[in-house]
């Protein structure tokens, strides 16, 4: 095995620091770390939904559909993770205008963002062309990101209004 990727190390460190029963700060006190934890919980929910869905899809539709489900959920999870990176860089850029310090390299982050979009389009094309699985499994995997962000959004709204 090679060395773990930076995002895997960050995910493990954030999971260690995350408390499930922790208080959510008020909206005006919501920090970048709170945003990271929210996105981490959404990513974790995608992984849980995928693990629950794999045996069901395998039993009903077979292994090609499972591959499409996993691909769709991986695209959803990576999209949320990349969106978090992009938004953190934009926020750091905005903060750097008011406070002196190191500015993030927006060009590299944007190149990575658009490169990821190209890879996703290629993966979708190849998987739909060569895997004879259910398109609905792929759509379910892609919708897991929307579902997880909706759950996290409802959770935050509920905690902020109580």
C-alpha atoms as a PDB file:
ATOM      1  CA  UNK A   1       0.000   0.000   0.000  1.00  0.00           C
ATOM      2  CA  UNK A   2       1.158   3.507  -0.779  1.00  0.00           C
ATOM      3  CA  UNK A   3       0.938   6.565   1.368  1.00  0.00           C
ATOM      4  CA  UNK A   4      -2.592   7.799   2.083  1.00  0.00           C
ATOM      5  CA  UNK A   5      -3.903  10.798   0.231  1.00  0.00           C
ATOM      6  CA  UNK A   6      -4.159  14.209   1.923  1.00  0.00           C
ATOM      7  CA  UNK A   7      -7.959  14.100   1.945  1.00  0.00           C
ATOM      8  CA  UNK A   8      -7.963  10.731   3.695  1.00  0.00           C
ATOM      9  CA  UNK A   9      -5.644  12.047   6.394  1.00  0.00           C
ATOM     10  CA  UNK A  10      -7.831  15.132   6.804  1.00  0.00           C
ATOM     11  CA  UNK A  11     -10.964  12.971   6.987  1.00  0.00           C
ATOM     12  CA  UNK A  12      -9.466  10.791   9.732  1.00  0.00           C
ATOM     13  CA  UNK A  13      -8.299  13.811  11.746  1.00  0.00           C
ATOM     14  CA  UNK A  14     -11.665  15.537  11.442  1.00  0.00           C
ATOM     15  CA  UNK A  15     -13.487  12.363  12.464  1.00  0.00           C
ATOM     16  CA  UNK A  16     -11.331  12.137  15.590  1.00  0.00           C
ATOM     17  CA  UNK A  17     -12.172  15.727  16.503  1.00  0.00           C
ATOM     18  CA  UNK A  18     -15.878  15.485  15.690  1.00  0.00           C
ATOM     19  CA  UNK A  19     -18.370  15.030  18.485  1.00  0.00           C
ATOM     20  CA  UNK A  20     -21.854  13.891  17.554  1.00  0.00           C
ATOM     21  CA  UNK A  21     -23.536  15.572  20.520  1.00  0.00           C
ATOM     22  CA  UNK A  22     -21.649  18.843  20.152  1.00  0.00           C
ATOM     23  CA  UNK A  23     -23.547  22.090  20.244  1.00  0.00           C
ATOM     24  CA  UNK A  24     -24.014  23.843  16.927  1.00  0.00           C
ATOM     25  CA  UNK A  25     -23.132  27.535  17.187  1.00  0.00           C
ATOM     26  CA  UNK A  26     -25.564  30.255  16.262  1.00  0.00           C
ATOM     27  CA  UNK A  27     -25.704  31.296  12.638  1.00  0.00           C
ATOM     28  CA  UNK A  28     -23.664  34.449  13.221  1.00  0.00           C
ATOM     29  CA  UNK A  29     -20.969  32.384  15.002  1.00  0.00           C
ATOM     30  CA  UNK A  30     -20.725  29.659  12.335  1.00  0.00           C
ATOM     31  CA  UNK A  31     -17.019  29.196  11.556  1.00  0.00           C
ATOM     32  CA  UNK A  32     -15.051  27.485   8.803  1.00  0.00           C
ATOM     33  CA  UNK A  33     -14.455  24.522  11.110  1.00  0.00           C
ATOM     34  CA  UNK A  34     -18.211  24.156  11.645  1.00  0.00           C
ATOM     35  CA  UNK A  35     -18.641  24.223   7.872  1.00  0.00           C
ATOM     36  CA  UNK A  36     -15.990  21.509   7.483  1.00  0.00           C
ATOM     37  CA  UNK A  37     -17.703  19.336  10.093  1.00  0.00           C
ATOM     38  CA  UNK A  38     -21.062  19.763   8.362  1.00  0.00           C
ATOM     39  CA  UNK A  39     -19.593  18.714   5.024  1.00  0.00           C
ATOM     40  CA  UNK A  40     -17.815  15.799   6.720  1.00  0.00           C
ATOM     41  CA  UNK A  41     -21.115  14.604   8.201  1.00  0.00           C
ATOM     42  CA  UNK A  42     -22.741  14.863   4.765  1.00  0.00           C
ATOM     43  CA  UNK A  43     -19.887  12.856   3.221  1.00  0.00           C
ATOM     44  CA  UNK A  44     -20.168  10.254   5.943  1.00  0.00           C
ATOM     45  CA  UNK A  45     -23.920  10.007   5.321  1.00  0.00           C
ATOM     46  CA  UNK A  46     -23.199   9.311   1.637  1.00  0.00           C
ATOM     47  CA  UNK A  47     -20.889   6.471   2.670  1.00  0.00           C
ATOM     48  CA  UNK A  48     -23.514   5.027   5.025  1.00  0.00           C
ATOM     49  CA  UNK A  49     -26.250   5.231   2.378  1.00  0.00           C
ATOM     50  CA  UNK A  50     -23.940   3.537  -0.110  1.00  0.00           C
ATOM     51  CA  UNK A  51     -23.133   0.697   2.281  1.00  0.00           C
ATOM     52  CA  UNK A  52     -26.834   0.193   2.970  1.00  0.00           C
ATOM     53  CA  UNK A  53     -27.711   0.332  -0.731  1.00  0.00           C
ATOM     54  CA  UNK A  54     -25.034  -2.071  -2.012  1.00  0.00           C
ATOM     55  CA  UNK A  55     -26.610  -5.344  -0.810  1.00  0.00           C
ATOM     56  CA  UNK A  56     -30.094  -4.250  -1.863  1.00  0.00           C
ATOM     57  CA  UNK A  57     -29.019  -3.236  -5.366  1.00  0.00           C
ATOM     58  CA  UNK A  58     -26.849  -6.363  -5.735  1.00  0.00           C
ATOM     59  CA  UNK A  59     -29.763  -8.595  -4.746  1.00  0.00           C
ATOM     60  CA  UNK A  60     -32.240  -6.876  -7.070  1.00  0.00           C
ATOM     61  CA  UNK A  61     -30.157  -5.722 -10.054  1.00  0.00           C
ATOM     62  CA  UNK A  62     -26.736  -7.423  -9.993  1.00  0.00           C
ATOM     63  CA  UNK A  63     -23.116  -6.332  -9.788  1.00  0.00           C
ATOM     64  CA  UNK A  64     -23.075  -3.890 -12.756  1.00  0.00           C
ATOM     65  CA  UNK A  65     -25.757  -1.835 -11.035  1.00  0.00           C
ATOM     66  CA  UNK A  66     -23.776  -1.946  -7.798  1.00  0.00           C
ATOM     67  CA  UNK A  67     -20.777  -0.580  -9.688  1.00  0.00           C
ATOM     68  CA  UNK A  68     -22.950   2.240 -11.044  1.00  0.00           C
ATOM     69  CA  UNK A  69     -24.334   2.951  -7.556  1.00  0.00           C
ATOM     70  CA  UNK A  70     -20.826   3.118  -6.080  1.00  0.00           C
ATOM     71  CA  UNK A  71     -19.632   5.297  -8.964  1.00  0.00           C
ATOM     72  CA  UNK A  72     -22.556   7.687  -8.506  1.00  0.00           C
ATOM     73  CA  UNK A  73     -22.024   7.960  -4.775  1.00  0.00           C
ATOM     74  CA  UNK A  74     -18.267   8.452  -5.275  1.00  0.00           C
ATOM     75  CA  UNK A  75     -19.019  11.280  -7.687  1.00  0.00           C
ATOM     76  CA  UNK A  76     -21.437  12.800  -5.152  1.00  0.00           C
ATOM     77  CA  UNK A  77     -18.970  12.529  -2.300  1.00  0.00           C
ATOM     78  CA  UNK A  78     -16.081  13.913  -4.323  1.00  0.00           C
ATOM     79  CA  UNK A  79     -18.296  16.741  -5.546  1.00  0.00           C
ATOM     80  CA  UNK A  80     -19.195  17.749  -2.011  1.00  0.00           C
ATOM     81  CA  UNK A  81     -15.568  17.467  -0.939  1.00  0.00           C
ATOM     82  CA  UNK A  82     -14.375  19.560  -3.887  1.00  0.00           C
ATOM     83  CA  UNK A  83     -17.100  22.121  -3.258  1.00  0.00           C
ATOM     84  CA  UNK A  84     -15.902  22.402   0.349  1.00  0.00           C
ATOM     85  CA  UNK A  85     -12.344  23.012  -0.883  1.00  0.00           C
ATOM     86  CA  UNK A  86     -13.516  25.644  -3.322  1.00  0.00           C
ATOM     87  CA  UNK A  87     -15.688  27.456  -0.778  1.00  0.00           C
ATOM     88  CA  UNK A  88     -12.946  27.372   1.865  1.00  0.00           C
ATOM     89  CA  UNK A  89     -10.516  28.901  -0.617  1.00  0.00           C
ATOM     90  CA  UNK A  90     -12.999  31.612  -1.577  1.00  0.00           C
ATOM     91  CA  UNK A  91     -13.626  32.428   2.091  1.00  0.00           C
ATOM     92  CA  UNK A  92      -9.875  32.507   2.794  1.00  0.00           C
ATOM     93  CA  UNK A  93      -9.428  34.804  -0.208  1.00  0.00           C
ATOM     94  CA  UNK A  94     -12.105  37.132   1.135  1.00  0.00           C
ATOM     95  CA  UNK A  95     -10.545  37.083   4.607  1.00  0.00           C
ATOM     96  CA  UNK A  96      -7.097  37.756   3.130  1.00  0.00           C
ATOM     97  CA  UNK A  97      -8.358  41.009   1.640  1.00  0.00           C
ATOM     98  CA  UNK A  98      -9.094  42.379   5.108  1.00  0.00           C
ATOM     99  CA  UNK A  99      -6.227  40.747   7.001  1.00  0.00           C
ATOM    100  CA  UNK A 100      -2.667  40.356   5.781  1.00  0.00           C
ATOM    101  CA  UNK A 101      -1.417  36.818   5.367  1.00  0.00           C
ATOM    102  CA  UNK A 102      -1.033  33.986   2.925  1.00  0.00           C
ATOM    103  CA  UNK A 103      -3.655  33.876   0.185  1.00  0.00           C
ATOM    104  CA  UNK A 104      -4.765  30.516  -1.229  1.00  0.00           C
ATOM    105  CA  UNK A 105      -3.792  29.628  -4.777  1.00  0.00           C
ATOM    106  CA  UNK A 106      -7.152  30.043  -6.477  1.00  0.00           C
ATOM    107  CA  UNK A 107      -5.827  29.101  -9.912  1.00  0.00           C
ATOM    108  CA  UNK A 108      -4.755  25.639  -8.769  1.00  0.00           C
ATOM    109  CA  UNK A 109      -8.013  25.053  -6.922  1.00  0.00           C
ATOM    110  CA  UNK A 110     -10.073  26.113  -9.955  1.00  0.00           C
ATOM    111  CA  UNK A 111      -7.969  23.948 -12.278  1.00  0.00           C
ATOM    112  CA  UNK A 112      -8.557  20.986  -9.972  1.00  0.00           C
ATOM    113  CA  UNK A 113     -12.275  21.755  -9.825  1.00  0.00           C
ATOM    114  CA  UNK A 114     -12.702  21.854 -13.603  1.00  0.00           C
ATOM    115  CA  UNK A 115     -10.383  18.883 -14.105  1.00  0.00           C
ATOM    116  CA  UNK A 116     -12.565  16.886 -11.720  1.00  0.00           C
ATOM    117  CA  UNK A 117     -15.636  17.872 -13.729  1.00  0.00           C
ATOM    118  CA  UNK A 118     -13.997  16.564 -16.920  1.00  0.00           C
ATOM    119  CA  UNK A 119     -13.045  13.291 -15.221  1.00  0.00           C
ATOM    120  CA  UNK A 120     -16.607  12.899 -13.942  1.00  0.00           C
ATOM    121  CA  UNK A 121     -18.043  13.362 -17.431  1.00  0.00           C
ATOM    122  CA  UNK A 122     -15.610  10.780 -18.812  1.00  0.00           C
ATOM    123  CA  UNK A 123     -16.428   8.310 -16.012  1.00  0.00           C
ATOM    124  CA  UNK A 124     -20.152   8.718 -16.570  1.00  0.00           C
ATOM    125  CA  UNK A 125     -19.782   8.160 -20.311  1.00  0.00           C
ATOM    126  CA  UNK A 126     -17.573   5.084 -19.946  1.00  0.00           C
ATOM    127  CA  UNK A 127     -19.658   3.527 -17.188  1.00  0.00           C
ATOM    128  CA  UNK A 128     -22.930   3.980 -19.062  1.00  0.00           C
ATOM    129  CA  UNK A 129     -21.423   2.687 -22.299  1.00  0.00           C
ATOM    130  CA  UNK A 130     -19.650  -0.420 -20.962  1.00  0.00           C
ATOM    131  CA  UNK A 131     -21.502  -1.426 -17.796  1.00  0.00           C
ATOM    132  CA  UNK A 132     -24.846  -2.988 -18.480  1.00  0.00           C
ATOM    133  CA  UNK A 133     -26.346  -1.869 -15.192  1.00  0.00           C
ATOM    134  CA  UNK A 134     -29.363   0.105 -14.179  1.00  0.00           C
ATOM    135  CA  UNK A 135     -29.294   3.826 -14.847  1.00  0.00           C
ATOM    136  CA  UNK A 136     -31.519   4.190 -11.800  1.00  0.00           C
ATOM    137  CA  UNK A 137     -28.720   2.854  -9.594  1.00  0.00           C
ATOM    138  CA  UNK A 138     -26.388   5.507 -11.002  1.00  0.00           C
ATOM    139  CA  UNK A 139     -29.025   8.189 -10.447  1.00  0.00           C
ATOM    140  CA  UNK A 140     -29.539   6.963  -6.874  1.00  0.00           C
ATOM    141  CA  UNK A 141     -25.813   7.254  -6.237  1.00  0.00           C
ATOM    142  CA  UNK A 142     -25.742  10.757  -7.686  1.00  0.00           C
ATOM    143  CA  UNK A 143     -28.769  11.792  -5.606  1.00  0.00           C
ATOM    144  CA  UNK A 144     -27.095  10.690  -2.379  1.00  0.00           C
ATOM    145  CA  UNK A 145     -25.200  13.980  -2.307  1.00  0.00           C
ATOM    146  CA  UNK A 146     -28.417  15.976  -2.553  1.00  0.00           C
ATOM    147  CA  UNK A 147     -30.055  13.853   0.140  1.00  0.00           C
ATOM    148  CA  UNK A 148     -27.107  14.137   2.528  1.00  0.00           C
ATOM    149  CA  UNK A 149     -26.833  17.911   2.092  1.00  0.00           C
ATOM    150  CA  UNK A 150     -30.594  18.251   2.592  1.00  0.00           C
ATOM    151  CA  UNK A 151     -30.419  16.219   5.815  1.00  0.00           C
ATOM    152  CA  UNK A 152     -27.540  18.360   7.096  1.00  0.00           C
ATOM    153  CA  UNK A 153     -29.345  21.550   6.094  1.00  0.00           C
ATOM    154  CA  UNK A 154     -32.513  20.504   7.902  1.00  0.00           C
ATOM    155  CA  UNK A 155     -30.435  19.536  10.932  1.00  0.00           C
ATOM    156  CA  UNK A 156     -28.793  22.966  11.051  1.00  0.00           C
ATOM    157  CA  UNK A 157     -32.060  24.846  10.516  1.00  0.00           C
ATOM    158  CA  UNK A 158     -33.729  22.805  13.241  1.00  0.00           C
ATOM    159  CA  UNK A 159     -30.911  23.500  15.691  1.00  0.00           C
ATOM    160  CA  UNK A 160     -30.832  27.221  14.846  1.00  0.00           C
ATOM    161  CA  UNK A 161     -34.588  27.708  15.257  1.00  0.00           C
ATOM    162  CA  UNK A 162     -35.057  25.831  18.533  1.00  0.00           C
END
